[in-house]
PDB file of N, CA and C in Angstrom:
ATOM      1  N   MET A   1     -14.096  17.486 -13.515  1.00  0.00           N
ATOM      2  CA  MET A   1     -15.021  16.446 -13.139  1.00  0.00           C
ATOM      3  C   MET A   1     -16.099  17.012 -12.214  1.00  0.00           C
ATOM      4  N   GLN A   2     -15.753  17.349 -10.995  1.00  0.00           N
ATOM      5  CA  GLN A   2     -16.740  17.926 -10.093  1.00  0.00           C
ATOM      6  C   GLN A   2     -16.328  19.350  -9.758  1.00  0.00           C
ATOM      7  N   ASN A   3     -17.332  20.189  -9.522  1.00  0.00           N
ATOM      8  CA  ASN A   3     -16.982  21.563  -9.180  1.00  0.00           C
ATOM      9  C   ASN A   3     -16.620  21.664  -7.699  1.00  0.00           C
ATOM     10  N   PRO A   4     -15.943  22.740  -7.309  1.00  0.00           N
ATOM     11  CA  PRO A   4     -15.465  22.881  -5.918  1.00  0.00           C
ATOM     12  C   PRO A   4     -16.565  22.795  -4.862  1.00  0.00           C
ATOM     13  N   LYS A   5     -17.792  23.249  -5.171  1.00  0.00           N
ATOM     14  CA  LYS A   5     -18.880  23.164  -4.190  1.00  0.00           C
ATOM     15  C   LYS A   5     -19.178  21.716  -3.831  1.00  0.00           C
ATOM     16  N   ASP A   6     -19.193  20.821  -4.828  1.00  0.00           N
ATOM     17  CA  ASP A   6     -19.445  19.407  -4.568  1.00  0.00           C
ATOM     18  C   ASP A   6     -18.327  18.791  -3.740  1.00  0.00           C
ATOM     19  N   ARG A   7     -17.110  19.206  -3.973  1.00  0.00           N
ATOM     20  CA  ARG A   7     -15.974  18.670  -3.233  1.00  0.00           C
ATOM     21  C   ARG A   7     -16.058  19.022  -1.753  1.00  0.00           C
ATOM     22  N   SER A   8     -16.618  20.185  -1.428  1.00  0.00           N
ATOM     23  CA  SER A   8     -16.679  20.599  -0.026  1.00  0.00           C
ATOM     24  C   SER A   8     -17.627  19.717   0.782  1.00  0.00           C
ATOM     25  N   LYS A   9     -18.491  18.957   0.133  1.00  0.00           N
ATOM     26  CA  LYS A   9     -19.442  18.083   0.820  1.00  0.00           C
ATOM     27  C   LYS A   9     -18.852  16.696   1.075  1.00  0.00           C
ATOM     28  N   ARG A  10     -17.628  16.467   0.698  1.00  0.00           N
ATOM     29  CA  ARG A  10     -17.016  15.145   0.816  1.00  0.00           C
ATOM     30  C   ARG A  10     -16.628  14.825   2.250  1.00  0.00           C
ATOM     31  N   VAL A  11     -16.636  13.529   2.539  1.00  0.00           N
ATOM     32  CA  VAL A  11     -16.245  13.023   3.850  1.00  0.00           C
ATOM     33  C   VAL A  11     -15.203  11.941   3.627  1.00  0.00           C
ATOM     34  N   TYR A  12     -14.107  11.973   4.390  1.00  0.00           N
ATOM     35  CA  TYR A  12     -13.062  10.971   4.249  1.00  0.00           C
ATOM     36  C   TYR A  12     -13.486   9.663   4.910  1.00  0.00           C
ATOM     37  N   ARG A  13     -13.255   8.546   4.208  1.00  0.00           N
ATOM     38  CA  ARG A  13     -13.489   7.201   4.738  1.00  0.00           C
ATOM     39  C   ARG A  13     -12.327   6.329   4.284  1.00  0.00           C
ATOM     40  N   GLY A  14     -11.963   5.379   5.093  1.00  0.00           N
ATOM     41  CA  GLY A  14     -10.912   4.441   4.718  1.00  0.00           C
ATOM     42  C   GLY A  14     -11.519   3.087   4.383  1.00  0.00           C
ATOM     43  N   PHE A  15     -11.051   2.476   3.316  1.00  0.00           N
ATOM     44  CA  PHE A  15     -11.548   1.173   2.885  1.00  0.00           C
ATOM     45  C   PHE A  15     -10.378   0.302   2.456  1.00  0.00           C
ATOM     46  N   TYR A  16     -10.603  -1.000   2.484  1.00  0.00           N
ATOM     47  CA  TYR A  16      -9.620  -1.951   1.980  1.00  0.00           C
ATOM     48  C   TYR A  16      -9.955  -2.267   0.532  1.00  0.00           C
ATOM     49  N   PHE A  17      -8.925  -2.305  -0.322  1.00  0.00           N
ATOM     50  CA  PHE A  17      -9.108  -2.595  -1.736  1.00  0.00           C
ATOM     51  C   PHE A  17      -8.366  -3.867  -2.109  1.00  0.00           C
ATOM     52  N   ASP A  18      -8.901  -4.597  -3.061  1.00  0.00           N
ATOM     53  CA  ASP A  18      -8.192  -5.743  -3.629  1.00  0.00           C
ATOM     54  C   ASP A  18      -7.021  -5.223  -4.453  1.00  0.00           C
ATOM     55  N   ASP A  19      -5.968  -6.043  -4.578  1.00  0.00           N
ATOM     56  CA  ASP A  19      -4.751  -5.620  -5.278  1.00  0.00           C
ATOM     57  C   ASP A  19      -5.010  -5.150  -6.703  1.00  0.00           C
ATOM     58  N   ASP A  20      -5.855  -5.870  -7.448  1.00  0.00           N
ATOM     59  CA  ASP A  20      -6.087  -5.501  -8.844  1.00  0.00           C
ATOM     60  C   ASP A  20      -6.785  -4.145  -8.959  1.00  0.00           C
ATOM     61  N   VAL A  21      -7.706  -3.858  -8.061  1.00  0.00           N
ATOM     62  CA  VAL A  21      -8.398  -2.571  -8.065  1.00  0.00           C
ATOM     63  C   VAL A  21      -7.442  -1.463  -7.642  1.00  0.00           C
ATOM     64  N   LEU A  22      -6.649  -1.722  -6.630  1.00  0.00           N
ATOM     65  CA  LEU A  22      -5.717  -0.719  -6.136  1.00  0.00           C
ATOM     66  C   LEU A  22      -4.652  -0.358  -7.183  1.00  0.00           C
ATOM     67  N   ARG A  23      -4.222  -1.309  -7.965  1.00  0.00           N
ATOM     68  CA  ARG A  23      -3.243  -1.012  -9.026  1.00  0.00           C
ATOM     69  C   ARG A  23      -3.813  -0.003 -10.017  1.00  0.00           C
ATOM     70  N   ILE A  24      -5.088  -0.121 -10.328  1.00  0.00           N
ATOM     71  CA  ILE A  24      -5.724   0.829 -11.251  1.00  0.00           C
ATOM     72  C   ILE A  24      -5.821   2.208 -10.601  1.00  0.00           C
ATOM     73  N   ILE A  25      -6.287   2.249  -9.369  1.00  0.00           N
ATOM     74  CA  ILE A  25      -6.424   3.526  -8.668  1.00  0.00           C
ATOM     75  C   ILE A  25      -5.070   4.208  -8.525  1.00  0.00           C
ATOM     76  N   ASP A  26      -4.030   3.447  -8.240  1.00  0.00           N
ATOM     77  CA  ASP A  26      -2.706   4.027  -8.045  1.00  0.00           C
ATOM     78  C   ASP A  26      -2.116   4.623  -9.315  1.00  0.00           C
ATOM     79  N   ARG A  27      -2.610   4.224 -10.472  1.00  0.00           N
ATOM     80  CA  ARG A  27      -2.126   4.786 -11.744  1.00  0.00           C
ATOM     81  C   ARG A  27      -2.685   6.177 -12.014  1.00  0.00           C
ATOM     82  N   VAL A  28      -3.727   6.552 -11.310  1.00  0.00           N
ATOM     83  CA  VAL A  28      -4.380   7.842 -11.516  1.00  0.00           C
ATOM     84  C   VAL A  28      -3.665   8.900 -10.682  1.00  0.00           C
ATOM     85  N   PRO A  29      -3.481  10.111 -11.242  1.00  0.00           N
ATOM     86  CA  PRO A  29      -2.858  11.181 -10.444  1.00  0.00           C
ATOM     87  C   PRO A  29      -3.639  11.427  -9.155  1.00  0.00           C
ATOM     88  N   LYS A  30      -2.926  11.773  -8.110  1.00  0.00           N
ATOM     89  CA  LYS A  30      -3.510  11.925  -6.771  1.00  0.00           C
ATOM     90  C   LYS A  30      -4.737  12.830  -6.755  1.00  0.00           C
ATOM     91  N   SER A  31      -4.682  13.923  -7.501  1.00  0.00           N
ATOM     92  CA  SER A  31      -5.780  14.887  -7.461  1.00  0.00           C
ATOM     93  C   SER A  31      -7.068  14.355  -8.083  1.00  0.00           C
ATOM     94  N   TYR A  32      -7.020  13.223  -8.805  1.00  0.00           N
ATOM     95  CA  TYR A  32      -8.207  12.673  -9.458  1.00  0.00           C
ATOM     96  C   TYR A  32      -8.687  11.359  -8.845  1.00  0.00           C
ATOM     97  N   LYS A  33      -8.010  10.838  -7.848  1.00  0.00           N
ATOM     98  CA  LYS A  33      -8.365   9.529  -7.287  1.00  0.00           C
ATOM     99  C   LYS A  33      -9.768   9.524  -6.695  1.00  0.00           C
ATOM    100  N   SER A  34     -10.112  10.540  -5.921  1.00  0.00           N
ATOM    101  CA  SER A  34     -11.446  10.587  -5.321  1.00  0.00           C
ATOM    102  C   SER A  34     -12.519  10.673  -6.396  1.00  0.00           C
ATOM    103  N   GLU A  35     -12.269  11.484  -7.435  1.00  0.00           N
ATOM    104  CA  GLU A  35     -13.232  11.597  -8.526  1.00  0.00           C
ATOM    105  C   GLU A  35     -13.435  10.250  -9.210  1.00  0.00           C
ATOM    106  N   LEU A  36     -12.350   9.532  -9.454  1.00  0.00           N
ATOM    107  CA  LEU A  36     -12.436   8.228 -10.105  1.00  0.00           C
ATOM    108  C   LEU A  36     -13.254   7.250  -9.274  1.00  0.00           C
ATOM    109  N   VAL A  37     -12.948   7.160  -7.992  1.00  0.00           N
ATOM    110  CA  VAL A  37     -13.648   6.213  -7.119  1.00  0.00           C
ATOM    111  C   VAL A  37     -15.120   6.585  -7.004  1.00  0.00           C
ATOM    112  N   ASN A  38     -15.421   7.863  -6.828  1.00  0.00           N
ATOM    113  CA  ASN A  38     -16.812   8.297  -6.748  1.00  0.00           C
ATOM    114  C   ASN A  38     -17.572   8.008  -8.034  1.00  0.00           C
ATOM    115  N   GLU A  39     -16.958   8.292  -9.166  1.00  0.00           N
ATOM    116  CA  GLU A  39     -17.600   8.046 -10.460  1.00  0.00           C
ATOM    117  C   GLU A  39     -17.851   6.555 -10.677  1.00  0.00           C
ATOM    118  N   ALA A  40     -16.860   5.737 -10.356  1.00  0.00           N
ATOM    119  CA  ALA A  40     -17.001   4.287 -10.541  1.00  0.00           C
ATOM    120  C   ALA A  40     -18.089   3.717  -9.633  1.00  0.00           C
ATOM    121  N   LEU A  41     -18.088   4.116  -8.372  1.00  0.00           N
ATOM    122  CA  LEU A  41     -19.108   3.623  -7.444  1.00  0.00           C
ATOM    123  C   LEU A  41     -20.498   4.099  -7.833  1.00  0.00           C
ATOM    124  N   ARG A  42     -20.614   5.361  -8.232  1.00  0.00           N
ATOM    125  CA  ARG A  42     -21.903   5.893  -8.653  1.00  0.00           C
ATOM    126  C   ARG A  42     -22.450   5.117  -9.845  1.00  0.00           C
ATOM    127  N   LYS A  43     -21.583   4.765 -10.789  1.00  0.00           N
ATOM    128  CA  LYS A  43     -22.009   3.998 -11.976  1.00  0.00           C
ATOM    129  C   LYS A  43     -22.542   2.626 -11.565  1.00  0.00           C
ATOM    130  N   VAL A  44     -21.831   1.938 -10.693  1.00  0.00           N
ATOM    131  CA  VAL A  44     -22.273   0.613 -10.232  1.00  0.00           C
ATOM    132  C   VAL A  44     -23.575   0.734  -9.443  1.00  0.00           C
ATOM    133  N   PHE A  45     -23.672   1.742  -8.588  1.00  0.00           N
ATOM    134  CA  PHE A  45     -24.896   1.924  -7.805  1.00  0.00           C
ATOM    135  C   PHE A  45     -26.095   2.173  -8.713  1.00  0.00           C
ATOM    136  N   LYS A  46     -25.898   2.959  -9.779  1.00  0.00           N
ATOM    137  CA  LYS A  46     -26.989   3.198 -10.739  1.00  0.00           C
ATOM    138  C   LYS A  46     -27.383   1.895 -11.441  1.00  0.00           C
ATOM    139  N   GLU A  47     -26.376   1.134 -11.864  1.00  0.00           N
ATOM    140  CA  GLU A  47     -26.657  -0.145 -12.549  1.00  0.00           C
ATOM    141  C   GLU A  47     -27.427  -1.102 -11.640  1.00  0.00           C
ATOM    142  N   LYS A  48     -27.167  -1.039 -10.360  1.00  0.00           N
ATOM    143  CA  LYS A  48     -27.830  -1.934  -9.397  1.00  0.00           C
ATOM    144  C   LYS A  48     -29.164  -1.363  -8.907  1.00  0.00           C
ATOM    145  N   GLY A  49     -29.520  -0.164  -9.389  1.00  0.00           N
ATOM    146  CA  GLY A  49     -30.777   0.453  -8.993  1.00  0.00           C
ATOM    147  C   GLY A  49     -30.779   1.034  -7.601  1.00  0.00           C
ATOM    148  N   LEU A  50     -29.602   1.333  -7.075  1.00  0.00           N
ATOM    149  CA  LEU A  50     -29.498   1.866  -5.722  1.00  0.00           C
ATOM    150  C   LEU A  50     -29.608   3.393  -5.671  1.00  0.00           C
ATOM    151  N   VAL A  51     -29.322   4.046  -6.794  1.00  0.00           N
ATOM    152  CA  VAL A  51     -29.484   5.506  -6.907  1.00  0.00           C
ATOM    153  C   VAL A  51     -30.102   5.823  -8.262  1.00  0.00           C
ATOM    154  N   ASP A  52     -30.680   7.027  -8.361  1.00  0.00           N
ATOM    155  CA  ASP A  52     -31.299   7.453  -9.625  1.00  0.00           C
ATOM    156  C   ASP A  52     -30.282   8.054 -10.554  1.00  0.00           C
TER     157      ASP A  52
END
């Protein structure tokens, strides 16, 4: 998904999730959870015109 250079720029943040969203995230292997959340948020941000 992302190369190691991109991963080194990451910053940890804690957020609260709704149960239905958390159930989906919890089904993903631990090593891919950050990639999934970043990809999903980036897609929504693009759809909303918040990023290019």
